[in-house]
Amino acid sequence: MAAAGTIYHEHQSLMMCALHTLNNLFQDQKAFTRQDLDNICYSLNPDAFVNPHKNVFGLGNYDVNVVMAALQLKNYEAVWFDRRL
């Protein structure tokens, strides 16, 4: 967690923007790990040989379904806004 009066910020690395965003949002470097997000991917599509919710090489690039499921694990939710309508 960030010390009182400071803002915690993870810098972007690889394709882990979803992980960094979640940890920045919760101001805690341990809010989620790469393994946490991978587990969410597998729970969303357990029978897939190639999981469509993340990068096939394990570099991240998690889709929005993973972010929304991660938020639900912390009892938060995101509201989907589709400007195209």
PDB file of N, CA and C in Angstrom:
ATOM      1  N   MET A   1       0.828  -1.189   0.000  1.00  0.00           N
ATOM      2  CA  MET A   1       0.000   0.000   0.000  1.00  0.00           C
ATOM      3  C   MET A   1       0.865   1.242   0.000  1.00  0.00           C
ATOM      4  N   ALA A   2       0.302   2.289  -0.546  1.00  0.00           N
ATOM      5  CA  ALA A   2       1.018   3.564  -0.562  1.00  0.00           C
ATOM      6  C   ALA A   2       1.026   4.160   0.842  1.00  0.00           C
ATOM      7  N   ALA A   3       2.122   4.807   1.175  1.00  0.00           N
ATOM      8  CA  ALA A   3       2.210   5.482   2.472  1.00  0.00           C
ATOM      9  C   ALA A   3       1.209   6.628   2.505  1.00  0.00           C
ATOM     10  N   ALA A   4       0.790   6.987   3.681  1.00  0.00           N
ATOM     11  CA  ALA A   4      -0.184   8.067   3.825  1.00  0.00           C
ATOM     12  C   ALA A   4       0.315   9.324   3.121  1.00  0.00           C
ATOM     13  N   GLY A   5      -0.539   9.900   2.316  1.00  0.00           N
ATOM     14  CA  GLY A   5      -0.207  11.137   1.619  1.00  0.00           C
ATOM     15  C   GLY A   5       0.543  10.951   0.316  1.00  0.00           C
ATOM     16  N   THR A   6       0.857   9.716  -0.058  1.00  0.00           N
ATOM     17  CA  THR A   6       1.537   9.461  -1.327  1.00  0.00           C
ATOM     18  C   THR A   6       0.625   8.654  -2.240  1.00  0.00           C
ATOM     19  N   ILE A   7       0.917   8.732  -3.498  1.00  0.00           N
ATOM     20  CA  ILE A   7       0.144   7.993  -4.495  1.00  0.00           C
ATOM     21  C   ILE A   7       0.999   6.855  -5.013  1.00  0.00           C
ATOM     22  N   TYR A   8       0.429   5.645  -4.974  1.00  0.00           N
ATOM     23  CA  TYR A   8       1.129   4.476  -5.501  1.00  0.00           C
ATOM     24  C   TYR A   8       0.937   4.437  -7.013  1.00  0.00           C
ATOM     25  N   HIS A   9       2.012   4.186  -7.742  1.00  0.00           N
ATOM     26  CA  HIS A   9       1.921   4.114  -9.202  1.00  0.00           C
ATOM     27  C   HIS A   9       2.861   3.053  -9.741  1.00  0.00           C
ATOM     28  N   GLU A  10       2.297   2.105 -10.464  1.00  0.00           N
ATOM     29  CA  GLU A  10       3.109   1.105 -11.156  1.00  0.00           C
ATOM     30  C   GLU A  10       3.327   1.566 -12.583  1.00  0.00           C
ATOM     31  N   HIS A  11       4.547   1.470 -13.043  1.00  0.00           N
ATOM     32  CA  HIS A  11       4.865   1.821 -14.425  1.00  0.00           C
ATOM     33  C   HIS A  11       4.530   0.659 -15.340  1.00  0.00           C
ATOM     34  N   GLN A  12       4.202   0.969 -16.563  1.00  0.00           N
ATOM     35  CA  GLN A  12       3.847  -0.026 -17.568  1.00  0.00           C
ATOM     36  C   GLN A  12       5.053  -0.891 -17.914  1.00  0.00           C
ATOM     37  N   SER A  13       4.826  -2.207 -17.961  1.00  0.00           N
ATOM     38  CA  SER A  13       5.838  -3.130 -18.466  1.00  0.00           C
ATOM     39  C   SER A  13       5.134  -4.242 -19.228  1.00  0.00           C
ATOM     40  N   LEU A  14       5.830  -4.730 -20.251  1.00  0.00           N
ATOM     41  CA  LEU A  14       5.280  -5.749 -21.148  1.00  0.00           C
ATOM     42  C   LEU A  14       3.878  -5.327 -21.581  1.00  0.00           C
ATOM     43  N   MET A  15       2.929  -6.244 -21.514  1.00  0.00           N
ATOM     44  CA  MET A  15       1.539  -5.936 -21.850  1.00  0.00           C
ATOM     45  C   MET A  15       0.666  -6.115 -20.609  1.00  0.00           C
ATOM     46  N   MET A  16       1.183  -5.642 -19.477  1.00  0.00           N
ATOM     47  CA  MET A  16       0.515  -5.846 -18.200  1.00  0.00           C
ATOM     48  C   MET A  16      -0.303  -4.639 -17.763  1.00  0.00           C
ATOM     49  N   CYS A  17      -0.861  -3.901 -18.709  1.00  0.00           N
ATOM     50  CA  CYS A  17      -1.586  -2.679 -18.362  1.00  0.00           C
ATOM     51  C   CYS A  17      -2.790  -2.960 -17.463  1.00  0.00           C
ATOM     52  N   ALA A  18      -3.476  -4.080 -17.645  1.00  0.00           N
ATOM     53  CA  ALA A  18      -4.620  -4.392 -16.782  1.00  0.00           C
ATOM     54  C   ALA A  18      -4.156  -4.609 -15.345  1.00  0.00           C
ATOM     55  N   LEU A  19      -3.070  -5.342 -15.175  1.00  0.00           N
ATOM     56  CA  LEU A  19      -2.522  -5.584 -13.840  1.00  0.00           C
ATOM     57  C   LEU A  19      -2.100  -4.276 -13.181  1.00  0.00           C
ATOM     58  N   HIS A  20      -1.373  -3.447 -13.909  1.00  0.00           N
ATOM     59  CA  HIS A  20      -0.915  -2.174 -13.352  1.00  0.00           C
ATOM     60  C   HIS A  20      -2.093  -1.254 -13.037  1.00  0.00           C
ATOM     61  N   THR A  21      -3.077  -1.247 -13.891  1.00  0.00           N
ATOM     62  CA  THR A  21      -4.255  -0.411 -13.665  1.00  0.00           C
ATOM     63  C   THR A  21      -4.984  -0.821 -12.394  1.00  0.00           C
ATOM     64  N   LEU A  22      -5.188  -2.129 -12.221  1.00  0.00           N
ATOM     65  CA  LEU A  22      -5.883  -2.607 -11.024  1.00  0.00           C
ATOM     66  C   LEU A  22      -5.095  -2.279  -9.756  1.00  0.00           C
ATOM     67  N   ASN A  23      -3.798  -2.522  -9.776  1.00  0.00           N
ATOM     68  CA  ASN A  23      -2.988  -2.224  -8.597  1.00  0.00           C
ATOM     69  C   ASN A  23      -2.933  -0.729  -8.318  1.00  0.00           C
ATOM     70  N   ASN A  24      -2.883   0.080  -9.360  1.00  0.00           N
ATOM     71  CA  ASN A  24      -2.925   1.536  -9.176  1.00  0.00           C
ATOM     72  C   ASN A  24      -4.272   1.967  -8.629  1.00  0.00           C
ATOM     73  N   LEU A  25      -5.337   1.381  -9.142  1.00  0.00           N
ATOM     74  CA  LEU A  25      -6.677   1.724  -8.679  1.00  0.00           C
ATOM     75  C   LEU A  25      -6.838   1.444  -7.183  1.00  0.00           C
ATOM     76  N   PHE A  26      -6.370   0.273  -6.753  1.00  0.00           N
ATOM     77  CA  PHE A  26      -6.493  -0.106  -5.351  1.00  0.00           C
ATOM     78  C   PHE A  26      -5.341   0.411  -4.486  1.00  0.00           C
ATOM     79  N   GLN A  27      -4.381   1.108  -5.109  1.00  0.00           N
ATOM     80  CA  GLN A  27      -3.244   1.683  -4.391  1.00  0.00           C
ATOM     81  C   GLN A  27      -2.500   0.626  -3.575  1.00  0.00           C
ATOM     82  N   ASP A  28      -2.295  -0.535  -4.202  1.00  0.00           N
ATOM     83  CA  ASP A  28      -1.665  -1.654  -3.508  1.00  0.00           C
ATOM     84  C   ASP A  28      -0.957  -2.531  -4.527  1.00  0.00           C
ATOM     85  N   GLN A  29       0.356  -2.662  -4.400  1.00  0.00           N
ATOM     86  CA  GLN A  29       1.110  -3.462  -5.367  1.00  0.00           C
ATOM     87  C   GLN A  29       0.780  -4.946  -5.274  1.00  0.00           C
ATOM     88  N   LYS A  30       0.103  -5.352  -4.201  1.00  0.00           N
ATOM     89  CA  LYS A  30      -0.272  -6.749  -4.032  1.00  0.00           C
ATOM     90  C   LYS A  30      -1.763  -6.988  -4.214  1.00  0.00           C
ATOM     91  N   ALA A  31      -2.485  -5.995  -4.723  1.00  0.00           N
ATOM     92  CA  ALA A  31      -3.921  -6.176  -4.940  1.00  0.00           C
ATOM     93  C   ALA A  31      -4.164  -7.349  -5.875  1.00  0.00           C
ATOM     94  N   PHE A  32      -3.392  -7.410  -6.963  1.00  0.00           N
ATOM     95  CA  PHE A  32      -3.472  -8.513  -7.915  1.00  0.00           C
ATOM     96  C   PHE A  32      -2.078  -8.837  -8.424  1.00  0.00           C
ATOM     97  N   THR A  33      -1.872 -10.094  -8.741  1.00  0.00           N
ATOM     98  CA  THR A  33      -0.627 -10.547  -9.350  1.00  0.00           C
ATOM     99  C   THR A  33      -0.927 -11.070 -10.749  1.00  0.00           C
ATOM    100  N   ARG A  34       0.107 -11.315 -11.493  1.00  0.00           N
ATOM    101  CA  ARG A  34      -0.053 -11.911 -12.823  1.00  0.00           C
ATOM    102  C   ARG A  34      -0.778 -13.257 -12.693  1.00  0.00           C
ATOM    103  N   GLN A  35      -0.413 -14.030 -11.676  1.00  0.00           N
ATOM    104  CA  GLN A  35      -1.060 -15.334 -11.470  1.00  0.00           C
ATOM    105  C   GLN A  35      -2.548 -15.178 -11.164  1.00  0.00           C
ATOM    106  N   ASP A  36      -2.918 -14.153 -10.396  1.00  0.00           N
ATOM    107  CA  ASP A  36      -4.336 -13.893 -10.116  1.00  0.00           C
ATOM    108  C   ASP A  36      -5.104 -13.673 -11.414  1.00  0.00           C
ATOM    109  N   LEU A  37      -4.548 -12.832 -12.292  1.00  0.00           N
ATOM    110  CA  LEU A  37      -5.240 -12.534 -13.544  1.00  0.00           C
ATOM    111  C   LEU A  37      -5.254 -13.750 -14.475  1.00  0.00           C
ATOM    112  N   ASP A  38      -4.179 -14.527 -14.479  1.00  0.00           N
ATOM    113  CA  ASP A  38      -4.170 -15.764 -15.271  1.00  0.00           C
ATOM    114  C   ASP A  38      -5.241 -16.728 -14.765  1.00  0.00           C
ATOM    115  N   ASN A  39      -5.378 -16.835 -13.450  1.00  0.00           N
ATOM    116  CA  ASN A  39      -6.417 -17.709 -12.882  1.00  0.00           C
ATOM    117  C   ASN A  39      -7.809 -17.254 -13.291  1.00  0.00           C
ATOM    118  N   ILE A  40      -8.022 -15.952 -13.329  1.00  0.00           N
ATOM    119  CA  ILE A  40      -9.313 -15.431 -13.783  1.00  0.00           C
ATOM    120  C   ILE A  40      -9.543 -15.819 -15.238  1.00  0.00           C
ATOM    121  N   CYS A  41      -8.510 -15.694 -16.070  1.00  0.00           N
ATOM    122  CA  CYS A  41      -8.625 -16.090 -17.485  1.00  0.00           C
ATOM    123  C   CYS A  41      -9.080 -17.529 -17.610  1.00  0.00           C
ATOM    124  N   TYR A  42      -8.448 -18.405 -16.850  1.00  0.00           N
ATOM    125  CA  TYR A  42      -8.783 -19.824 -16.925  1.00  0.00           C
ATOM    126  C   TYR A  42     -10.176 -20.102 -16.371  1.00  0.00           C
ATOM    127  N   SER A  43     -10.605 -19.338 -15.375  1.00  0.00           N
ATOM    128  CA  SER A  43     -11.957 -19.538 -14.853  1.00  0.00           C
ATOM    129  C   SER A  43     -13.010 -19.057 -15.850  1.00  0.00           C
ATOM    130  N   LEU A  44     -12.661 -18.056 -16.654  1.00  0.00           N
ATOM    131  CA  LEU A  44     -13.608 -17.559 -17.666  1.00  0.00           C
ATOM    132  C   LEU A  44     -13.730 -18.517 -18.847  1.00  0.00           C
ATOM    133  N   ASN A  45     -12.663 -19.249 -19.123  1.00  0.00           N
ATOM    134  CA  ASN A  45     -12.676 -20.165 -20.263  1.00  0.00           C
ATOM    135  C   ASN A  45     -11.787 -21.369 -19.939  1.00  0.00           C
ATOM    136  N   PRO A  46     -12.266 -22.265 -19.055  1.00  0.00           N
ATOM    137  CA  PRO A  46     -11.414 -23.327 -18.534  1.00  0.00           C
ATOM    138  C   PRO A  46     -11.013 -24.399 -19.547  1.00  0.00           C
ATOM    139  N   ASP A  47     -11.770 -24.576 -20.599  1.00  0.00           N
ATOM    140  CA  ASP A  47     -11.504 -25.668 -21.531  1.00  0.00           C
ATOM    141  C   ASP A  47     -10.752 -25.242 -22.781  1.00  0.00           C
ATOM    142  N   ALA A  48     -10.360 -23.992 -22.859  1.00  0.00           N
ATOM    143  CA  ALA A  48      -9.689 -23.497 -24.066  1.00  0.00           C
ATOM    144  C   ALA A  48      -8.222 -23.893 -24.073  1.00  0.00           C
ATOM    145  N   PHE A  49      -7.755 -24.414 -25.185  1.00  0.00           N
ATOM    146  CA  PHE A  49      -6.333 -24.722 -25.343  1.00  0.00           C
ATOM    147  C   PHE A  49      -5.541 -23.416 -25.395  1.00  0.00           C
ATOM    148  N   VAL A  50      -6.038 -22.464 -26.158  1.00  0.00           N
ATOM    149  CA  VAL A  50      -5.481 -21.109 -26.214  1.00  0.00           C
ATOM    150  C   VAL A  50      -6.523 -20.186 -25.597  1.00  0.00           C
ATOM    151  N   ASN A  51      -6.189 -19.586 -24.472  1.00  0.00           N
ATOM    152  CA  ASN A  51      -7.161 -18.772 -23.759  1.00  0.00           C
ATOM    153  C   ASN A  51      -7.346 -17.431 -24.461  1.00  0.00           C
ATOM    154  N   PRO A  52      -8.592 -17.089 -24.813  1.00  0.00           N
ATOM    155  CA  PRO A  52      -8.840 -15.845 -25.545  1.00  0.00           C
ATOM    156  C   PRO A  52      -8.786 -14.587 -24.686  1.00  0.00           C
ATOM    157  N   HIS A  53      -8.614 -14.736 -23.387  1.00  0.00           N
ATOM    158  CA  HIS A  53      -8.651 -13.584 -22.485  1.00  0.00           C
ATOM    159  C   HIS A  53      -7.274 -13.031 -22.148  1.00  0.00           C
ATOM    160  N   LYS A  54      -6.214 -13.605 -22.734  1.00  0.00           N
ATOM    161  CA  LYS A  54      -4.859 -13.129 -22.456  1.00  0.00           C
ATOM    162  C   LYS A  54      -3.942 -13.471 -23.618  1.00  0.00           C
ATOM    163  N   ASN A  55      -2.759 -12.906 -23.580  1.00  0.00           N
ATOM    164  CA  ASN A  55      -1.755 -13.149 -24.601  1.00  0.00           C
ATOM    165  C   ASN A  55      -1.281 -14.596 -24.539  1.00  0.00           C
ATOM    166  N   VAL A  56      -1.165 -15.213 -25.680  1.00  0.00           N
ATOM    167  CA  VAL A  56      -0.788 -16.626 -25.754  1.00  0.00           C
ATOM    168  C   VAL A  56       0.618 -16.879 -25.210  1.00  0.00           C
ATOM    169  N   PHE A  57       1.490 -15.885 -25.203  1.00  0.00           N
ATOM    170  CA  PHE A  57       2.857 -16.038 -24.718  1.00  0.00           C
ATOM    171  C   PHE A  57       3.011 -15.683 -23.237  1.00  0.00           C
ATOM    172  N   GLY A  58       1.910 -15.391 -22.554  1.00  0.00           N
ATOM    173  CA  GLY A  58       1.968 -15.084 -21.131  1.00  0.00           C
ATOM    174  C   GLY A  58       2.480 -13.698 -20.804  1.00  0.00           C
ATOM    175  N   LEU A  59       2.374 -12.790 -21.757  1.00  0.00           N
ATOM    176  CA  LEU A  59       2.884 -11.427 -21.564  1.00  0.00           C
ATOM    177  C   LEU A  59       1.830 -10.458 -21.058  1.00  0.00           C
ATOM    178  N   GLY A  60       0.653 -10.943 -20.768  1.00  0.00           N
ATOM    179  CA  GLY A  60      -0.410 -10.062 -20.306  1.00  0.00           C
ATOM    180  C   GLY A  60      -1.456  -9.863 -21.378  1.00  0.00           C
ATOM    181  N   ASN A  61      -1.720  -8.598 -21.695  1.00  0.00           N
ATOM    182  CA  ASN A  61      -2.733  -8.232 -22.674  1.00  0.00           C
ATOM    183  C   ASN A  61      -4.091  -8.837 -22.313  1.00  0.00           C
ATOM    184  N   TYR A  62      -4.451  -8.728 -21.034  1.00  0.00           N
ATOM    185  CA  TYR A  62      -5.725  -9.250 -20.543  1.00  0.00           C
ATOM    186  C   TYR A  62      -6.872  -8.413 -21.097  1.00  0.00           C
ATOM    187  N   ASP A  63      -7.975  -9.067 -21.398  1.00  0.00           N
ATOM    188  CA  ASP A  63      -9.105  -8.317 -21.940  1.00  0.00           C
ATOM    189  C   ASP A  63      -9.987  -7.758 -20.821  1.00  0.00           C
ATOM    190  N   VAL A  64     -10.970  -6.980 -21.211  1.00  0.00           N
ATOM    191  CA  VAL A  64     -11.815  -6.271 -20.247  1.00  0.00           C
ATOM    192  C   VAL A  64     -12.607  -7.235 -19.373  1.00  0.00           C
ATOM    193  N   ASN A  65     -12.896  -8.435 -19.858  1.00  0.00           N
ATOM    194  CA  ASN A  65     -13.610  -9.416 -19.034  1.00  0.00           C
ATOM    195  C   ASN A  65     -12.800  -9.780 -17.794  1.00  0.00           C
ATOM    196  N   VAL A  66     -11.507  -9.845 -17.931  1.00  0.00           N
ATOM    197  CA  VAL A  66     -10.628 -10.162 -16.805  1.00  0.00           C
ATOM    198  C   VAL A  66     -10.635  -9.010 -15.811  1.00  0.00           C
ATOM    199  N   VAL A  67     -10.569  -7.797 -16.290  1.00  0.00           N
ATOM    200  CA  VAL A  67     -10.601  -6.629 -15.411  1.00  0.00           C
ATOM    201  C   VAL A  67     -11.918  -6.580 -14.642  1.00  0.00           C
ATOM    202  N   MET A  68     -13.008  -6.809 -15.320  1.00  0.00           N
ATOM    203  CA  MET A  68     -14.312  -6.755 -14.652  1.00  0.00           C
ATOM    204  C   MET A  68     -14.454  -7.878 -13.622  1.00  0.00           C
ATOM    205  N   ALA A  69     -13.956  -9.068 -13.932  1.00  0.00           N
ATOM    206  CA  ALA A  69     -14.003 -10.176 -12.972  1.00  0.00           C
ATOM    207  C   ALA A  69     -13.103  -9.888 -11.774  1.00  0.00           C
ATOM    208  N   ALA A  70     -11.941  -9.281 -12.003  1.00  0.00           N
ATOM    209  CA  ALA A  70     -11.036  -8.925 -10.906  1.00  0.00           C
ATOM    210  C   ALA A  70     -11.705  -7.923  -9.970  1.00  0.00           C
ATOM    211  N   LEU A  71     -12.375  -6.943 -10.531  1.00  0.00           N
ATOM    212  CA  LEU A  71     -13.081  -5.960  -9.706  1.00  0.00           C
ATOM    213  C   LEU A  71     -14.148  -6.638  -8.854  1.00  0.00           C
ATOM    214  N   GLN A  72     -14.850  -7.593  -9.433  1.00  0.00           N
ATOM    215  CA  GLN A  72     -15.893  -8.306  -8.685  1.00  0.00           C
ATOM    216  C   GLN A  72     -15.308  -9.077  -7.508  1.00  0.00           C
ATOM    217  N   LEU A  73     -14.082  -9.593  -7.646  1.00  0.00           N
ATOM    218  CA  LEU A  73     -13.435 -10.293  -6.543  1.00  0.00           C
ATOM    219  C   LEU A  73     -13.202  -9.383  -5.341  1.00  0.00           C
ATOM    220  N   LYS A  74     -13.120  -8.084  -5.588  1.00  0.00           N
ATOM    221  CA  LYS A  74     -12.925  -7.094  -4.519  1.00  0.00           C
ATOM    222  C   LYS A  74     -14.235  -6.390  -4.165  1.00  0.00           C
ATOM    223  N   ASN A  75     -15.358  -6.955  -4.640  1.00  0.00           N
ATOM    224  CA  ASN A  75     -16.695  -6.400  -4.392  1.00  0.00           C
ATOM    225  C   ASN A  75     -16.904  -5.020  -5.013  1.00  0.00           C
ATOM    226  N   TYR A  76     -16.305  -4.826  -6.186  1.00  0.00           N
ATOM    227  CA  TYR A  76     -16.523  -3.613  -6.977  1.00  0.00           C
ATOM    228  C   TYR A  76     -17.071  -4.045  -8.327  1.00  0.00           C
ATOM    229  N   GLU A  77     -17.575  -3.092  -9.059  1.00  0.00           N
ATOM    230  CA  GLU A  77     -18.038  -3.398 -10.405  1.00  0.00           C
ATOM    231  C   GLU A  77     -17.739  -2.229 -11.330  1.00  0.00           C
ATOM    232  N   ALA A  78     -17.674  -2.525 -12.580  1.00  0.00           N
ATOM    233  CA  ALA A  78     -17.484  -1.510 -13.606  1.00  0.00           C
ATOM    234  C   ALA A  78     -18.755  -1.432 -14.423  1.00  0.00           C
ATOM    235  N   VAL A  79     -19.086  -0.253 -14.856  1.00  0.00           N
ATOM    236  CA  VAL A  79     -20.244  -0.058 -15.705  1.00  0.00           C
ATOM    237  C   VAL A  79     -19.740   0.088 -17.131  1.00  0.00           C
ATOM    238  N   TRP A  80     -20.203  -0.791 -18.007  1.00  0.00           N
ATOM    239  CA  TRP A  80     -19.791  -0.766 -19.399  1.00  0.00           C
ATOM    240  C   TRP A  80     -20.473   0.403 -20.098  1.00  0.00           C
ATOM    241  N   PHE A  81     -19.680   1.231 -20.720  1.00  0.00           N
ATOM    242  CA  PHE A  81     -20.223   2.370 -21.464  1.00  0.00           C
ATOM    243  C   PHE A  81     -19.848   2.216 -22.917  1.00  0.00           C
ATOM    244  N   ASP A  82     -20.855   2.126 -23.775  1.00  0.00           N
ATOM    245  CA  ASP A  82     -20.625   1.957 -25.206  1.00  0.00           C
ATOM    246  C   ASP A  82     -21.086   3.221 -25.907  1.00  0.00           C
ATOM    247  N   ARG A  83     -20.152   4.039 -26.299  1.00  0.00           N
ATOM    248  CA  ARG A  83     -20.458   5.324 -26.904  1.00  0.00           C
ATOM    249  C   ARG A  83     -21.045   5.174 -28.321  1.00  0.00           C
ATOM    250  N   ARG A  84     -20.886   4.005 -28.918  1.00  0.00           N
ATOM    251  CA  ARG A  84     -21.350   3.807 -30.293  1.00  0.00           C
ATOM    252  C   ARG A  84     -22.864   3.877 -30.443  1.00  0.00           C
ATOM    253  N   LEU A  85     -23.590   3.714 -29.359  1.00  0.00           N
ATOM    254  CA  LEU A  85     -25.060   3.681 -29.453  1.00  0.00           C
ATOM    255  C   LEU A  85     -25.669   5.026 -29.654  1.00  0.00           C
TER     256      LEU A  85
END
